[in-house]
């Protein structure tokens, strides 16, 4: 270790103004396309086009879930145990019988039965 302070003059951009100008021009040239894209006017249609991929991905997931539910309720090759006679759509899709019963009867359950404390 020495008591001499470190020499940071090499890092000083003011020592070589030509190098600093070249560096600034190089940076400006690299970011010019990005800045141009940001300055372009954005319309409603360009914004909607930007959402194309996420919307299509969400639609694909919804389609897959819907196909699974429909095939579980009414399979192509015949009947399954979940699609038995008298079973409602919710029961066949796998919803608990208590919730399916409330939905098919179009009635609201009382809070005690929802919490499971009806018989206590």
C-alpha atoms as a PDB file:
ATOM      1  CA  UNK A   1       0.000   0.000   0.000  1.00  0.00           C
ATOM      2  CA  UNK A   2       1.164   3.479  -0.766  1.00  0.00           C
ATOM      3  CA  UNK A   3       0.002   6.832   0.423  1.00  0.00           C
ATOM      4  CA  UNK A   4      -0.195   8.120  -3.155  1.00  0.00           C
ATOM      5  CA  UNK A   5      -3.741   8.894  -4.271  1.00  0.00           C
ATOM      6  CA  UNK A   6      -5.155   7.034  -7.285  1.00  0.00           C
ATOM      7  CA  UNK A   7      -4.902   8.785 -10.643  1.00  0.00           C
ATOM      8  CA  UNK A   8      -8.372   9.003 -12.199  1.00  0.00           C
ATOM      9  CA  UNK A   9      -7.438  11.440 -14.984  1.00  0.00           C
ATOM     10  CA  UNK A  10      -7.631   8.569 -17.485  1.00  0.00           C
ATOM     11  CA  UNK A  11     -11.370   8.318 -16.849  1.00  0.00           C
ATOM     12  CA  UNK A  12     -11.997  12.044 -17.277  1.00  0.00           C
ATOM     13  CA  UNK A  13     -13.982  12.593 -20.522  1.00  0.00           C
ATOM     14  CA  UNK A  14     -12.832  16.205 -20.777  1.00  0.00           C
ATOM     15  CA  UNK A  15      -9.223  15.166 -21.453  1.00  0.00           C
ATOM     16  CA  UNK A  16     -10.076  13.930 -24.993  1.00  0.00           C
ATOM     17  CA  UNK A  17     -12.979  15.929 -26.499  1.00  0.00           C
ATOM     18  CA  UNK A  18     -12.761  14.130 -29.867  1.00  0.00           C
ATOM     19  CA  UNK A  19     -13.220  10.747 -28.174  1.00  0.00           C
ATOM     20  CA  UNK A  20     -16.175  12.126 -26.242  1.00  0.00           C
ATOM     21  CA  UNK A  21     -17.811  13.360 -29.466  1.00  0.00           C
ATOM     22  CA  UNK A  22     -17.318   9.963 -31.147  1.00  0.00           C
ATOM     23  CA  UNK A  23     -18.821   8.217 -28.142  1.00  0.00           C
ATOM     24  CA  UNK A  24     -21.850  10.539 -28.117  1.00  0.00           C
ATOM     25  CA  UNK A  25     -22.393  10.045 -31.870  1.00  0.00           C
ATOM     26  CA  UNK A  26     -22.132   6.268 -31.520  1.00  0.00           C
ATOM     27  CA  UNK A  27     -24.686   6.244 -28.722  1.00  0.00           C
ATOM     28  CA  UNK A  28     -27.037   8.526 -30.678  1.00  0.00           C
ATOM     29  CA  UNK A  29     -26.773   6.299 -33.750  1.00  0.00           C
ATOM     30  CA  UNK A  30     -27.598   3.194 -31.703  1.00  0.00           C
ATOM     31  CA  UNK A  31     -30.682   4.643 -30.030  1.00  0.00           C
ATOM     32  CA  UNK A  32     -32.064   6.518 -33.052  1.00  0.00           C
ATOM     33  CA  UNK A  33     -34.419   3.687 -34.210  1.00  0.00           C
ATOM     34  CA  UNK A  34     -35.838   3.256 -30.725  1.00  0.00           C
ATOM     35  CA  UNK A  35     -36.410   6.986 -30.297  1.00  0.00           C
ATOM     36  CA  UNK A  36     -38.048   7.191 -33.709  1.00  0.00           C
ATOM     37  CA  UNK A  37     -40.461   4.416 -32.791  1.00  0.00           C
ATOM     38  CA  UNK A  38     -41.372   6.187 -29.559  1.00  0.00           C
ATOM     39  CA  UNK A  39     -41.992   9.485 -31.327  1.00  0.00           C
ATOM     40  CA  UNK A  40     -44.318   7.909 -33.916  1.00  0.00           C
ATOM     41  CA  UNK A  41     -47.983   8.747 -33.340  1.00  0.00           C
ATOM     42  CA  UNK A  42     -49.901   5.889 -31.765  1.00  0.00           C
ATOM     43  CA  UNK A  43     -53.463   5.279 -32.811  1.00  0.00           C
ATOM     44  CA  UNK A  44     -56.080   3.050 -31.319  1.00  0.00           C
ATOM     45  CA  UNK A  45     -55.435   0.442 -34.024  1.00  0.00           C
ATOM     46  CA  UNK A  46     -51.706   0.257 -33.346  1.00  0.00           C
ATOM     47  CA  UNK A  47     -52.393  -0.152 -29.637  1.00  0.00           C
ATOM     48  CA  UNK A  48     -54.874  -2.959 -30.329  1.00  0.00           C
ATOM     49  CA  UNK A  49     -52.387  -4.651 -32.645  1.00  0.00           C
ATOM     50  CA  UNK A  50     -49.886  -4.681 -29.802  1.00  0.00           C
ATOM     51  CA  UNK A  51     -52.323  -6.703 -27.683  1.00  0.00           C
ATOM     52  CA  UNK A  52     -52.793  -9.349 -30.386  1.00  0.00           C
ATOM     53  CA  UNK A  53     -50.520 -12.020 -28.885  1.00  0.00           C
ATOM     54  CA  UNK A  54     -51.760 -11.840 -25.259  1.00  0.00           C
ATOM     55  CA  UNK A  55     -55.390 -11.874 -26.386  1.00  0.00           C
ATOM     56  CA  UNK A  56     -54.820 -14.876 -28.648  1.00  0.00           C
ATOM     57  CA  UNK A  57     -53.011 -16.701 -25.845  1.00  0.00           C
ATOM     58  CA  UNK A  58     -55.892 -16.061 -23.427  1.00  0.00           C
ATOM     59  CA  UNK A  59     -58.396 -17.212 -26.053  1.00  0.00           C
ATOM     60  CA  UNK A  60     -56.432 -20.428 -26.568  1.00  0.00           C
ATOM     61  CA  UNK A  61     -56.464 -21.143 -22.825  1.00  0.00           C
ATOM     62  CA  UNK A  62     -60.216 -20.494 -22.633  1.00  0.00           C
ATOM     63  CA  UNK A  63     -60.784 -22.760 -25.620  1.00  0.00           C
ATOM     64  CA  UNK A  64     -58.773 -25.571 -24.041  1.00  0.00           C
ATOM     65  CA  UNK A  65     -60.656 -25.296 -20.737  1.00  0.00           C
ATOM     66  CA  UNK A  66     -63.997 -25.198 -22.547  1.00  0.00           C
ATOM     67  CA  UNK A  67     -63.147 -28.284 -24.600  1.00  0.00           C
ATOM     68  CA  UNK A  68     -62.168 -30.190 -21.451  1.00  0.00           C
ATOM     69  CA  UNK A  69     -65.425 -29.262 -19.733  1.00  0.00           C
ATOM     70  CA  UNK A  70     -67.575 -30.120 -22.759  1.00  0.00           C
ATOM     71  CA  UNK A  71     -65.828 -33.475 -23.253  1.00  0.00           C
ATOM     72  CA  UNK A  72     -66.236 -34.267 -19.589  1.00  0.00           C
ATOM     73  CA  UNK A  73     -69.963 -33.493 -19.678  1.00  0.00           C
ATOM     74  CA  UNK A  74     -70.775 -35.133 -23.033  1.00  0.00           C
ATOM     75  CA  UNK A  75     -67.886 -37.207 -24.362  1.00  0.00           C
ATOM     76  CA  UNK A  76     -67.695 -37.963 -28.059  1.00  0.00           C
ATOM     77  CA  UNK A  77     -67.647 -41.779 -27.717  1.00  0.00           C
ATOM     78  CA  UNK A  78     -70.460 -42.202 -25.206  1.00  0.00           C
ATOM     79  CA  UNK A  79     -71.324 -41.619 -21.582  1.00  0.00           C
ATOM     80  CA  UNK A  80     -69.132 -41.484 -18.497  1.00  0.00           C
ATOM     81  CA  UNK A  81     -69.974 -41.817 -14.846  1.00  0.00           C
ATOM     82  CA  UNK A  82     -69.994 -38.039 -14.447  1.00  0.00           C
ATOM     83  CA  UNK A  83     -72.566 -37.642 -17.229  1.00  0.00           C
ATOM     84  CA  UNK A  84     -75.105 -39.935 -15.545  1.00  0.00           C
ATOM     85  CA  UNK A  85     -78.846 -39.529 -15.926  1.00  0.00           C
ATOM     86  CA  UNK A  86     -80.281 -36.600 -14.025  1.00  0.00           C
ATOM     87  CA  UNK A  87     -76.918 -34.968 -13.380  1.00  0.00           C
ATOM     88  CA  UNK A  88     -76.826 -31.264 -14.014  1.00  0.00           C
ATOM     89  CA  UNK A  89     -74.176 -29.514 -16.015  1.00  0.00           C
ATOM     90  CA  UNK A  90     -72.376 -28.261 -12.907  1.00  0.00           C
ATOM     91  CA  UNK A  91     -72.268 -31.691 -11.276  1.00  0.00           C
ATOM     92  CA  UNK A  92     -71.056 -33.289 -14.495  1.00  0.00           C
ATOM     93  CA  UNK A  93     -68.328 -30.652 -14.764  1.00  0.00           C
ATOM     94  CA  UNK A  94     -67.130 -31.558 -11.272  1.00  0.00           C
ATOM     95  CA  UNK A  95     -68.712 -28.880  -9.079  1.00  0.00           C
ATOM     96  CA  UNK A  96     -69.661 -30.043  -5.559  1.00  0.00           C
ATOM     97  CA  UNK A  97     -73.266 -31.208  -5.272  1.00  0.00           C
ATOM     98  CA  UNK A  98     -74.137 -28.552  -2.704  1.00  0.00           C
ATOM     99  CA  UNK A  99     -73.055 -25.717  -5.001  1.00  0.00           C
ATOM    100  CA  UNK A 100     -74.694 -27.390  -8.005  1.00  0.00           C
ATOM    101  CA  UNK A 101     -77.933 -27.745  -6.052  1.00  0.00           C
ATOM    102  CA  UNK A 102     -77.980 -24.066  -5.075  1.00  0.00           C
ATOM    103  CA  UNK A 103     -77.281 -23.023  -8.649  1.00  0.00           C
ATOM    104  CA  UNK A 104     -79.875 -25.292 -10.248  1.00  0.00           C
ATOM    105  CA  UNK A 105     -82.503 -24.283  -7.681  1.00  0.00           C
ATOM    106  CA  UNK A 106     -81.607 -20.611  -8.294  1.00  0.00           C
ATOM    107  CA  UNK A 107     -81.565 -19.926  -4.584  1.00  0.00           C
ATOM    108  CA  UNK A 108     -78.992 -18.316  -2.340  1.00  0.00           C
ATOM    109  CA  UNK A 109     -77.655 -20.459   0.486  1.00  0.00           C
ATOM    110  CA  UNK A 110     -77.803 -19.265   4.048  1.00  0.00           C
ATOM    111  CA  UNK A 111     -74.448 -18.238   5.558  1.00  0.00           C
ATOM    112  CA  UNK A 112     -74.455 -21.151   8.051  1.00  0.00           C
ATOM    113  CA  UNK A 113     -74.586 -23.759   5.297  1.00  0.00           C
ATOM    114  CA  UNK A 114     -71.821 -22.012   3.350  1.00  0.00           C
ATOM    115  CA  UNK A 115     -69.582 -22.074   6.416  1.00  0.00           C
ATOM    116  CA  UNK A 116     -70.529 -25.700   7.145  1.00  0.00           C
ATOM    117  CA  UNK A 117     -71.893 -24.994  10.613  1.00  0.00           C
ATOM    118  CA  UNK A 118     -75.570 -25.719   9.900  1.00  0.00           C
ATOM    119  CA  UNK A 119     -75.852 -28.753  12.180  1.00  0.00           C
ATOM    120  CA  UNK A 120     -73.719 -27.498  15.081  1.00  0.00           C
END
